[in-house]
């Protein structure tokens, strides 16, 4: 695949994906958004998961599955260790 065919070269697709990541609480603050905008290709795995789920938006049928697939399982363990 040529670099011009990469998803992160399509500004509309990048904005839509960024919105999805924000709604999924993956991008939680301005630092996260800034890091995403600097190197969106770091989110290739999450993008591929989003694409495989049919580019869902919050509330769509595949949304929960998408979020479950990109959310690390360590969150619940970290929450327990903070107590």
Protein backbone atom coordinates (compact mmCIF):
# COMPACT_ATOMS: atom_id res chain seq x y z
CA UNK A 1 0.00 0.00 0.00
CA UNK A 2 1.42 3.36 -0.97
CA UNK A 3 1.82 5.92 1.79
CA UNK A 4 -0.74 8.12 0.04
CA UNK A 5 -3.31 5.36 0.63
CA UNK A 6 -2.90 5.39 4.40
CA UNK A 7 -6.01 6.24 6.43
CA UNK A 8 -4.23 9.07 8.22
CA UNK A 9 -3.75 10.93 4.94
CA UNK A 10 -7.54 11.44 4.69
CA UNK A 11 -8.31 14.42 6.96
CA UNK A 12 -12.04 13.69 7.10
CA UNK A 13 -11.42 10.09 8.12
CA UNK A 14 -8.86 11.21 10.73
CA UNK A 15 -11.37 13.65 12.23
CA UNK A 16 -14.10 11.00 12.35
CA UNK A 17 -11.75 8.50 13.97
CA UNK A 18 -10.51 11.11 16.44
CA UNK A 19 -14.12 11.80 17.44
CA UNK A 20 -14.70 8.07 17.94
CA UNK A 21 -11.61 7.81 20.15
CA UNK A 22 -12.76 10.81 22.18
CA UNK A 23 -16.23 9.30 22.64
CA UNK A 24 -14.61 6.01 23.67
CA UNK A 25 -12.49 7.89 26.27
CA UNK A 26 -9.26 6.80 24.63
CA UNK A 27 -8.38 10.44 23.96
CA UNK A 28 -9.26 12.02 27.29
CA UNK A 29 -7.61 15.45 27.29
CA UNK A 30 -5.90 18.01 25.08
CA UNK A 31 -2.54 16.27 25.49
CA UNK A 32 -4.02 13.02 24.15
CA UNK A 33 -5.61 14.84 21.22
CA UNK A 34 -2.37 16.67 20.48
CA UNK A 35 -0.40 13.41 20.54
CA UNK A 36 -2.99 11.82 18.23
CA UNK A 37 -2.78 14.74 15.80
CA UNK A 38 1.02 14.56 15.79
CA UNK A 39 1.19 10.85 14.95
CA UNK A 40 -2.19 9.30 14.20
CA UNK A 41 -0.45 6.27 12.71
CA UNK A 42 0.30 5.17 16.29
CA UNK A 43 -3.39 4.26 16.40
CA UNK A 44 -3.30 1.87 13.43
CA UNK A 45 -4.53 -1.09 15.50
CA UNK A 46 -7.44 0.90 16.93
CA UNK A 47 -8.27 2.25 13.48
CA UNK A 48 -8.29 -1.25 12.01
CA UNK A 49 -10.63 -2.37 14.79
CA UNK A 50 -12.89 0.64 14.12
CA UNK A 51 -12.88 -0.09 10.37
CA UNK A 52 -13.62 -3.79 10.94
CA UNK A 53 -16.60 -2.79 13.09
CA UNK A 54 -17.95 -0.67 10.23
CA UNK A 55 -16.76 2.78 11.43
CA UNK A 56 -19.36 2.93 14.21
CA UNK A 57 -20.35 6.11 15.98
CA UNK A 58 -21.41 6.18 19.61
CA UNK A 59 -24.82 4.54 19.86
CA UNK A 60 -24.43 2.39 16.74
CA UNK A 61 -24.92 -1.36 17.01
CA UNK A 62 -21.20 -2.18 16.77
CA UNK A 63 -20.08 0.65 19.07
CA UNK A 64 -19.84 -1.38 22.30
CA UNK A 65 -17.91 -4.15 20.56
CA UNK A 66 -15.49 -1.60 19.11
CA UNK A 67 -14.92 0.02 22.51
CA UNK A 68 -14.49 -3.35 24.22
CA UNK A 69 -11.88 -4.34 21.64
CA UNK A 70 -9.77 -1.20 22.06
CA UNK A 71 -10.06 -0.78 25.83
CA UNK A 72 -7.20 -2.37 27.74
CA UNK A 73 -8.21 -5.02 30.27
CA UNK A 74 -5.68 -3.58 32.73
CA UNK A 75 -8.06 -0.73 33.64
CA UNK A 76 -9.97 -2.78 36.20
CA UNK A 77 -6.73 -4.10 37.73
CA UNK A 78 -5.30 -0.56 37.99
CA UNK A 79 -8.49 0.68 39.66
CA UNK A 80 -8.22 -2.09 42.25
CA UNK A 81 -4.57 -1.30 43.01
CA UNK A 82 -5.29 2.39 43.60
CA UNK A 83 -7.50 1.67 46.64
